[in-house]
């Protein structure tokens, strides 16, 4: 069991940001366990996805609709749990910004709150839960009509 779990999980989160900005489903796929009960939740009631198939579809819809995605953390990530022998860890990013182009129009969302739960299986950490909380109420990508 590695004692440098924070560094390892920080690298996993950096890989998530990179994959999200590049719009790489393949890279994101390697960061999540593909279970039927993983959960990704957004601010709006229509942004609640359970299971890898729904999570993957959500990312695909986002990548089909959004361009020039940039994630900028504005606060240091906070880590909870994760030290051996734990198999669970949680990352909280109290404030980050998201800039993107949606429908040809640039948009910036400041102060997004993010939490990610990671689970270690054997020696590998992957995400099992994620929650984005936007400080605004508009829906960026309509997941209900597709």
N, C-alpha and C. Protein backbone atom coordinates (compact mmCIF):
# COMPACT_ATOMS: atom_id res chain seq x y z
N UNK A 1 0.84 -1.18 0.00
CA UNK A 1 0.00 0.00 0.00
C UNK A 1 0.88 1.24 0.00
N UNK A 2 0.59 2.16 -0.88
CA UNK A 2 1.41 3.34 -1.00
C UNK A 2 1.02 4.39 0.02
N UNK A 3 2.02 5.01 0.60
CA UNK A 3 1.78 6.04 1.59
C UNK A 3 1.52 7.40 0.93
N UNK A 4 1.85 7.57 -0.33
CA UNK A 4 1.68 8.85 -1.01
C UNK A 4 0.34 8.94 -1.74
N UNK A 5 -0.72 8.54 -1.08
CA UNK A 5 -2.05 8.50 -1.68
C UNK A 5 -2.52 9.87 -2.14
N UNK A 6 -2.18 10.94 -1.41
CA UNK A 6 -2.62 12.27 -1.82
C UNK A 6 -1.99 12.67 -3.16
N UNK A 7 -0.71 12.38 -3.31
CA UNK A 7 -0.04 12.70 -4.57
C UNK A 7 -0.63 11.88 -5.71
N UNK A 8 -0.88 10.61 -5.45
CA UNK A 8 -1.47 9.75 -6.48
C UNK A 8 -2.86 10.24 -6.90
N UNK A 9 -3.68 10.58 -5.91
CA UNK A 9 -5.03 11.04 -6.23
C UNK A 9 -5.01 12.43 -6.85
N UNK A 10 -4.07 13.25 -6.46
CA UNK A 10 -3.93 14.57 -7.10
C UNK A 10 -3.61 14.39 -8.58
N UNK A 11 -2.78 13.41 -8.90
CA UNK A 11 -2.47 13.11 -10.29
C UNK A 11 -3.71 12.62 -11.02
N UNK A 12 -4.53 11.81 -10.35
CA UNK A 12 -5.77 11.32 -10.96
C UNK A 12 -6.73 12.48 -11.25
N UNK A 13 -6.82 13.45 -10.32
CA UNK A 13 -7.69 14.60 -10.54
C UNK A 13 -7.15 15.47 -11.68
N UNK A 14 -5.85 15.67 -11.73
CA UNK A 14 -5.24 16.42 -12.83
C UNK A 14 -5.53 15.72 -14.16
N UNK A 15 -5.47 14.39 -14.16
CA UNK A 15 -5.79 13.63 -15.37
C UNK A 15 -7.25 13.81 -15.75
N UNK A 16 -8.15 13.90 -14.76
CA UNK A 16 -9.56 14.15 -15.05
C UNK A 16 -9.73 15.50 -15.72
N UNK A 17 -9.12 16.55 -15.14
CA UNK A 17 -9.24 17.89 -15.73
C UNK A 17 -8.72 17.89 -17.16
N UNK A 18 -7.57 17.26 -17.38
CA UNK A 18 -6.99 17.19 -18.72
C UNK A 18 -7.94 16.47 -19.69
N UNK A 19 -8.47 15.33 -19.28
CA UNK A 19 -9.37 14.56 -20.14
C UNK A 19 -10.65 15.35 -20.43
N UNK A 20 -11.17 16.04 -19.43
CA UNK A 20 -12.40 16.82 -19.61
C UNK A 20 -12.16 17.98 -20.57
N UNK A 21 -11.04 18.67 -20.40
CA UNK A 21 -10.73 19.79 -21.29
C UNK A 21 -10.51 19.32 -22.74
N UNK A 22 -9.91 18.16 -22.91
CA UNK A 22 -9.67 17.62 -24.25
C UNK A 22 -10.89 16.95 -24.85
N UNK A 23 -11.90 16.67 -24.00
CA UNK A 23 -13.09 15.97 -24.48
C UNK A 23 -12.82 14.52 -24.79
N UNK A 24 -11.96 13.89 -24.00
CA UNK A 24 -11.55 12.50 -24.25
C UNK A 24 -12.34 11.52 -23.40
N UNK A 25 -13.32 10.86 -24.03
CA UNK A 25 -14.07 9.81 -23.32
C UNK A 25 -13.15 8.65 -22.94
N UNK A 26 -12.21 8.33 -23.79
CA UNK A 26 -11.29 7.23 -23.51
C UNK A 26 -10.49 7.51 -22.24
N UNK A 27 -9.96 8.71 -22.11
CA UNK A 27 -9.19 9.06 -20.92
C UNK A 27 -10.07 9.11 -19.68
N UNK A 28 -11.29 9.65 -19.81
CA UNK A 28 -12.21 9.67 -18.67
C UNK A 28 -12.59 8.26 -18.24
N UNK A 29 -12.76 7.38 -19.19
CA UNK A 29 -13.13 6.01 -18.90
C UNK A 29 -12.13 5.33 -17.97
N UNK A 30 -10.87 5.67 -18.12
CA UNK A 30 -9.83 5.07 -17.28
C UNK A 30 -9.80 5.63 -15.87
N UNK A 31 -10.58 6.67 -15.60
CA UNK A 31 -10.56 7.32 -14.29
C UNK A 31 -11.75 6.96 -13.41
N UNK A 32 -12.75 6.30 -13.99
CA UNK A 32 -13.95 5.90 -13.25
C UNK A 32 -14.05 4.37 -13.21
N UNK A 33 -14.55 3.83 -12.08
CA UNK A 33 -14.94 2.43 -12.08
C UNK A 33 -16.22 2.33 -12.90
N UNK A 34 -16.38 1.29 -13.66
CA UNK A 34 -17.54 1.15 -14.56
C UNK A 34 -18.65 0.35 -13.91
N UNK A 35 -19.00 0.73 -12.70
CA UNK A 35 -20.03 0.04 -11.94
C UNK A 35 -21.41 0.58 -12.28
N UNK A 36 -22.43 -0.22 -11.95
CA UNK A 36 -23.81 0.20 -12.16
C UNK A 36 -24.30 1.19 -11.12
N UNK A 37 -23.53 1.38 -10.04
CA UNK A 37 -23.98 2.27 -8.98
C UNK A 37 -23.09 3.49 -8.76
N UNK A 38 -22.15 3.78 -9.69
CA UNK A 38 -21.42 5.03 -9.55
C UNK A 38 -22.40 6.17 -9.81
N UNK A 39 -22.11 7.35 -9.27
CA UNK A 39 -23.05 8.47 -9.34
C UNK A 39 -22.31 9.75 -9.72
N UNK A 40 -22.88 10.48 -10.68
CA UNK A 40 -22.43 11.83 -10.99
C UNK A 40 -23.66 12.72 -10.92
N UNK A 41 -23.55 13.79 -10.12
CA UNK A 41 -24.68 14.69 -9.88
C UNK A 41 -24.25 16.11 -10.20
N UNK A 42 -25.15 16.84 -10.86
CA UNK A 42 -24.93 18.25 -11.12
C UNK A 42 -25.91 19.08 -10.33
N UNK A 43 -25.92 20.37 -10.57
CA UNK A 43 -26.76 21.31 -9.83
C UNK A 43 -28.24 21.08 -10.09
N UNK A 44 -28.60 20.73 -11.30
CA UNK A 44 -30.00 20.65 -11.70
C UNK A 44 -30.57 19.24 -11.53
N UNK A 45 -31.89 19.16 -11.39
CA UNK A 45 -32.52 17.87 -11.15
C UNK A 45 -32.36 16.91 -12.33
N UNK A 46 -32.15 17.44 -13.55
CA UNK A 46 -31.97 16.54 -14.69
C UNK A 46 -30.52 16.08 -14.83
N UNK A 47 -29.67 16.48 -13.92
CA UNK A 47 -28.26 16.10 -13.98
C UNK A 47 -27.92 15.15 -12.84
N UNK A 48 -28.47 13.96 -12.92
CA UNK A 48 -28.25 12.92 -11.92
C UNK A 48 -28.08 11.62 -12.68
N UNK A 49 -26.86 11.10 -12.70
CA UNK A 49 -26.56 9.94 -13.52
C UNK A 49 -26.03 8.80 -12.65
N UNK A 50 -26.61 7.64 -12.84
CA UNK A 50 -26.23 6.47 -12.05
C UNK A 50 -25.76 5.39 -13.01
N UNK A 51 -24.59 4.84 -12.73
CA UNK A 51 -24.02 3.79 -13.55
C UNK A 51 -23.13 4.36 -14.64
N UNK A 52 -22.10 3.60 -15.00
CA UNK A 52 -21.14 4.09 -15.98
C UNK A 52 -21.81 4.43 -17.32
N UNK A 53 -22.79 3.68 -17.78
CA UNK A 53 -23.41 3.95 -19.07
C UNK A 53 -24.03 5.35 -19.10
N UNK A 54 -24.74 5.73 -18.04
CA UNK A 54 -25.34 7.07 -17.98
C UNK A 54 -24.27 8.15 -17.85
N UNK A 55 -23.25 7.90 -17.05
CA UNK A 55 -22.18 8.87 -16.86
C UNK A 55 -21.44 9.09 -18.18
N UNK A 56 -21.13 8.01 -18.87
CA UNK A 56 -20.44 8.11 -20.16
C UNK A 56 -21.30 8.88 -21.17
N UNK A 57 -22.59 8.59 -21.21
CA UNK A 57 -23.50 9.29 -22.12
C UNK A 57 -23.52 10.79 -21.81
N UNK A 58 -23.54 11.14 -20.54
CA UNK A 58 -23.53 12.54 -20.14
C UNK A 58 -22.28 13.25 -20.65
N UNK A 59 -21.12 12.62 -20.43
CA UNK A 59 -19.88 13.23 -20.93
C UNK A 59 -19.90 13.33 -22.45
N UNK A 60 -20.41 12.32 -23.13
CA UNK A 60 -20.48 12.35 -24.59
C UNK A 60 -21.35 13.52 -25.06
N UNK A 61 -22.52 13.70 -24.43
CA UNK A 61 -23.39 14.82 -24.79
C UNK A 61 -22.70 16.16 -24.56
N UNK A 62 -21.97 16.26 -23.45
CA UNK A 62 -21.25 17.51 -23.17
C UNK A 62 -20.20 17.77 -24.25
N UNK A 63 -19.44 16.74 -24.59
CA UNK A 63 -18.37 16.91 -25.58
C UNK A 63 -18.93 17.19 -26.97
N UNK A 64 -20.13 16.71 -27.26
CA UNK A 64 -20.78 17.01 -28.53
C UNK A 64 -21.29 18.45 -28.58
N UNK A 65 -21.59 19.03 -27.42
CA UNK A 65 -22.22 20.35 -27.36
C UNK A 65 -21.30 21.49 -26.96
N UNK A 66 -20.25 21.19 -26.23
CA UNK A 66 -19.39 22.23 -25.67
C UNK A 66 -18.03 22.23 -26.35
N UNK A 67 -17.43 23.39 -26.47
CA UNK A 67 -16.10 23.54 -27.07
C UNK A 67 -15.22 24.39 -26.17
N UNK A 68 -13.92 24.26 -26.40
CA UNK A 68 -12.92 25.10 -25.71
C UNK A 68 -13.11 25.08 -24.19
N UNK A 69 -13.28 23.90 -23.63
CA UNK A 69 -13.50 23.75 -22.19
C UNK A 69 -12.18 24.00 -21.46
N UNK A 70 -12.24 24.86 -20.43
CA UNK A 70 -11.08 25.10 -19.57
C UNK A 70 -11.55 25.10 -18.13
N UNK A 71 -10.85 24.34 -17.30
CA UNK A 71 -11.14 24.24 -15.87
C UNK A 71 -9.98 24.90 -15.13
N UNK A 72 -10.30 25.84 -14.24
CA UNK A 72 -9.27 26.54 -13.47
C UNK A 72 -9.61 26.47 -11.99
N UNK A 73 -8.94 25.59 -11.24
CA UNK A 73 -9.16 25.58 -9.78
C UNK A 73 -8.69 26.91 -9.19
N UNK A 74 -9.51 27.49 -8.30
CA UNK A 74 -9.14 28.74 -7.63
C UNK A 74 -8.79 28.53 -6.17
N UNK A 75 -8.93 27.32 -5.71
CA UNK A 75 -8.59 27.02 -4.32
C UNK A 75 -7.85 25.69 -4.28
N UNK A 76 -7.10 25.50 -3.23
CA UNK A 76 -6.38 24.25 -3.05
C UNK A 76 -7.37 23.12 -2.80
N UNK A 77 -7.15 21.97 -3.40
CA UNK A 77 -8.03 20.83 -3.12
C UNK A 77 -7.86 20.35 -1.69
N UNK A 78 -8.94 19.91 -1.11
CA UNK A 78 -8.93 19.36 0.24
C UNK A 78 -9.16 17.87 0.14
N UNK A 79 -8.35 17.09 0.84
CA UNK A 79 -8.47 15.62 0.80
C UNK A 79 -8.95 15.11 2.14
N UNK A 80 -9.82 14.11 2.09
CA UNK A 80 -10.36 13.50 3.30
C UNK A 80 -10.24 11.99 3.15
N UNK A 81 -9.81 11.30 4.20
CA UNK A 81 -9.65 9.84 4.14
C UNK A 81 -8.50 9.48 3.24
N UNK A 82 -8.46 8.22 2.80
CA UNK A 82 -7.46 7.80 1.82
C UNK A 82 -6.19 7.21 2.37
N UNK A 83 -5.82 7.59 3.59
CA UNK A 83 -4.58 7.06 4.15
C UNK A 83 -4.74 5.56 4.40
N UNK A 84 -3.70 4.78 4.14
CA UNK A 84 -3.80 3.34 4.38
C UNK A 84 -4.25 3.08 5.81
N UNK A 85 -5.13 2.12 6.02
CA UNK A 85 -5.60 1.09 5.10
C UNK A 85 -6.92 1.44 4.41
N UNK A 86 -7.32 2.72 4.42
CA UNK A 86 -8.60 3.12 3.83
C UNK A 86 -8.66 2.78 2.34
N UNK A 87 -9.85 2.47 1.89
CA UNK A 87 -10.07 2.22 0.46
C UNK A 87 -10.93 3.32 -0.16
N UNK A 88 -11.24 4.37 0.62
CA UNK A 88 -12.05 5.49 0.13
C UNK A 88 -11.34 6.80 0.43
N UNK A 89 -11.49 7.75 -0.48
CA UNK A 89 -10.96 9.10 -0.28
C UNK A 89 -11.90 10.08 -0.97
N UNK A 90 -11.95 11.30 -0.45
CA UNK A 90 -12.80 12.32 -1.03
C UNK A 90 -11.98 13.57 -1.30
N UNK A 91 -12.18 14.15 -2.46
CA UNK A 91 -11.55 15.41 -2.85
C UNK A 91 -12.64 16.47 -2.87
N UNK A 92 -12.35 17.62 -2.30
CA UNK A 92 -13.24 18.77 -2.38
C UNK A 92 -12.45 19.92 -2.98
N UNK A 93 -13.00 20.52 -4.03
CA UNK A 93 -12.44 21.75 -4.59
C UNK A 93 -13.47 22.84 -4.28
N UNK A 94 -13.18 23.69 -3.28
CA UNK A 94 -14.17 24.68 -2.87
C UNK A 94 -14.53 25.70 -3.94
N UNK A 95 -13.61 26.01 -4.85
CA UNK A 95 -13.93 26.98 -5.89
C UNK A 95 -13.07 26.72 -7.13
N UNK A 96 -13.75 26.60 -8.26
CA UNK A 96 -13.05 26.51 -9.54
C UNK A 96 -13.90 27.20 -10.58
N UNK A 97 -13.25 27.60 -11.67
CA UNK A 97 -13.95 28.27 -12.76
C UNK A 97 -13.98 27.36 -13.97
N UNK A 98 -15.02 27.50 -14.76
CA UNK A 98 -15.19 26.74 -15.99
C UNK A 98 -15.50 27.74 -17.10
N UNK A 99 -14.67 27.72 -18.14
CA UNK A 99 -14.96 28.53 -19.33
C UNK A 99 -15.14 27.58 -20.50
N UNK A 100 -16.04 27.95 -21.41
CA UNK A 100 -16.36 27.08 -22.54
C UNK A 100 -17.11 27.87 -23.58
N UNK A 101 -17.35 27.22 -24.70
CA UNK A 101 -18.20 27.77 -25.74
C UNK A 101 -19.38 26.81 -25.91
N UNK A 102 -20.59 27.35 -25.81
CA UNK A 102 -21.81 26.56 -25.94
C UNK A 102 -22.71 27.23 -26.96
N UNK A 103 -23.05 26.50 -28.02
CA UNK A 103 -23.90 27.07 -29.07
C UNK A 103 -23.27 28.27 -29.74
N UNK A 104 -21.95 28.30 -29.82
CA UNK A 104 -21.23 29.41 -30.44
C UNK A 104 -20.98 30.60 -29.53
N UNK A 105 -21.51 30.55 -28.31
CA UNK A 105 -21.34 31.67 -27.38
C UNK A 105 -20.42 31.28 -26.23
N UNK A 106 -19.44 32.14 -25.92
CA UNK A 106 -18.57 31.84 -24.78
C UNK A 106 -19.33 32.02 -23.47
N UNK A 107 -18.97 31.21 -22.50
CA UNK A 107 -19.59 31.29 -21.17
C UNK A 107 -18.53 31.03 -20.11
N UNK A 108 -18.68 31.70 -18.99
CA UNK A 108 -17.78 31.50 -17.85
C UNK A 108 -18.63 31.27 -16.61
N UNK A 109 -18.27 30.25 -15.87
CA UNK A 109 -18.95 29.93 -14.61
C UNK A 109 -17.90 29.98 -13.52
N UNK A 110 -18.06 30.89 -12.59
CA UNK A 110 -17.09 31.09 -11.52
C UNK A 110 -17.60 30.48 -10.22
N UNK A 111 -16.67 30.00 -9.43
CA UNK A 111 -16.99 29.53 -8.09
C UNK A 111 -17.70 28.19 -8.03
N UNK A 112 -17.48 27.34 -9.02
CA UNK A 112 -18.09 26.00 -9.00
C UNK A 112 -17.48 25.21 -7.84
N UNK A 113 -18.32 24.49 -7.15
CA UNK A 113 -17.86 23.60 -6.08
C UNK A 113 -17.86 22.17 -6.62
N UNK A 114 -16.83 21.41 -6.30
CA UNK A 114 -16.71 20.05 -6.83
C UNK A 114 -16.27 19.10 -5.73
N UNK A 115 -16.91 17.94 -5.68
CA UNK A 115 -16.44 16.85 -4.82
C UNK A 115 -16.33 15.59 -5.66
N UNK A 116 -15.32 14.80 -5.36
CA UNK A 116 -15.10 13.52 -6.04
C UNK A 116 -14.79 12.47 -4.98
N UNK A 117 -15.45 11.35 -5.06
CA UNK A 117 -15.13 10.22 -4.18
C UNK A 117 -14.35 9.19 -5.00
N UNK A 118 -13.23 8.77 -4.46
CA UNK A 118 -12.37 7.77 -5.08
C UNK A 118 -12.41 6.49 -4.26
N UNK A 119 -12.38 5.36 -4.93
CA UNK A 119 -12.31 4.07 -4.26
C UNK A 119 -11.07 3.32 -4.75
N UNK A 120 -10.34 2.75 -3.79
CA UNK A 120 -9.17 1.95 -4.14
C UNK A 120 -9.56 0.49 -4.18
N UNK A 121 -9.25 -0.15 -5.30
CA UNK A 121 -9.44 -1.59 -5.43
C UNK A 121 -8.08 -2.17 -5.78
N UNK A 122 -7.58 -3.00 -4.89
CA UNK A 122 -6.20 -3.47 -5.05
C UNK A 122 -5.28 -2.28 -4.86
N UNK A 123 -4.54 -1.93 -5.89
CA UNK A 123 -3.63 -0.78 -5.80
C UNK A 123 -4.10 0.40 -6.63
N UNK A 124 -5.26 0.30 -7.27
CA UNK A 124 -5.71 1.35 -8.19
C UNK A 124 -6.87 2.16 -7.62
N UNK A 125 -6.75 3.48 -7.73
CA UNK A 125 -7.80 4.41 -7.33
C UNK A 125 -8.57 4.86 -8.57
N UNK A 126 -9.91 4.85 -8.47
CA UNK A 126 -10.76 5.42 -9.52
C UNK A 126 -11.96 6.10 -8.86
N UNK A 127 -12.61 6.96 -9.61
CA UNK A 127 -13.77 7.69 -9.08
C UNK A 127 -15.02 6.81 -9.07
N UNK A 128 -15.84 7.00 -8.03
CA UNK A 128 -17.13 6.32 -7.92
C UNK A 128 -18.27 7.32 -7.72
N UNK A 129 -17.92 8.58 -7.45
CA UNK A 129 -18.94 9.59 -7.27
C UNK A 129 -18.35 10.96 -7.56
N UNK A 130 -19.16 11.83 -8.16
CA UNK A 130 -18.74 13.20 -8.44
C UNK A 130 -19.95 14.10 -8.32
N UNK A 131 -19.74 15.29 -7.76
CA UNK A 131 -20.82 16.28 -7.66
C UNK A 131 -20.28 17.64 -8.05
N UNK A 132 -20.90 18.24 -9.08
CA UNK A 132 -20.61 19.61 -9.49
C UNK A 132 -21.75 20.49 -8.99
N UNK A 133 -21.42 21.61 -8.40
CA UNK A 133 -22.45 22.53 -7.95
C UNK A 133 -22.18 23.89 -8.59
N UNK A 134 -22.98 24.23 -9.59
CA UNK A 134 -22.83 25.50 -10.29
C UNK A 134 -23.47 26.62 -9.48
N UNK A 135 -22.84 27.78 -9.46
CA UNK A 135 -23.43 28.90 -8.74
C UNK A 135 -24.56 29.57 -9.51
N UNK A 136 -24.86 29.10 -10.72
CA UNK A 136 -25.93 29.65 -11.54
C UNK A 136 -26.98 28.57 -11.77
N UNK A 137 -28.12 28.95 -12.29
CA UNK A 137 -29.20 27.98 -12.43
C UNK A 137 -29.47 27.55 -13.86
N UNK A 138 -28.80 28.14 -14.86
CA UNK A 138 -29.10 27.75 -16.23
C UNK A 138 -28.51 26.39 -16.58
N UNK A 139 -29.18 25.67 -17.43
CA UNK A 139 -28.75 24.35 -17.85
C UNK A 139 -27.86 24.51 -19.08
N UNK A 140 -26.64 23.96 -19.02
CA UNK A 140 -25.71 24.07 -20.15
C UNK A 140 -26.03 23.08 -21.25
N UNK A 141 -26.32 21.84 -20.88
CA UNK A 141 -26.59 20.79 -21.85
C UNK A 141 -27.86 20.10 -21.42
N UNK A 142 -28.85 20.07 -22.28
CA UNK A 142 -30.13 19.44 -21.98
C UNK A 142 -29.98 17.93 -22.18
N UNK A 143 -30.00 17.18 -21.10
CA UNK A 143 -29.84 15.73 -21.15
C UNK A 143 -31.17 15.00 -21.31
N UNK A 144 -32.28 15.70 -21.17
CA UNK A 144 -33.59 15.03 -21.20
C UNK A 144 -34.12 14.81 -22.60
N UNK A 145 -33.74 15.64 -23.56
CA UNK A 145 -34.35 15.55 -24.88
C UNK A 145 -33.57 14.68 -25.86
N UNK A 146 -32.51 14.05 -25.43
CA UNK A 146 -31.68 13.26 -26.36
C UNK A 146 -31.75 11.80 -26.07
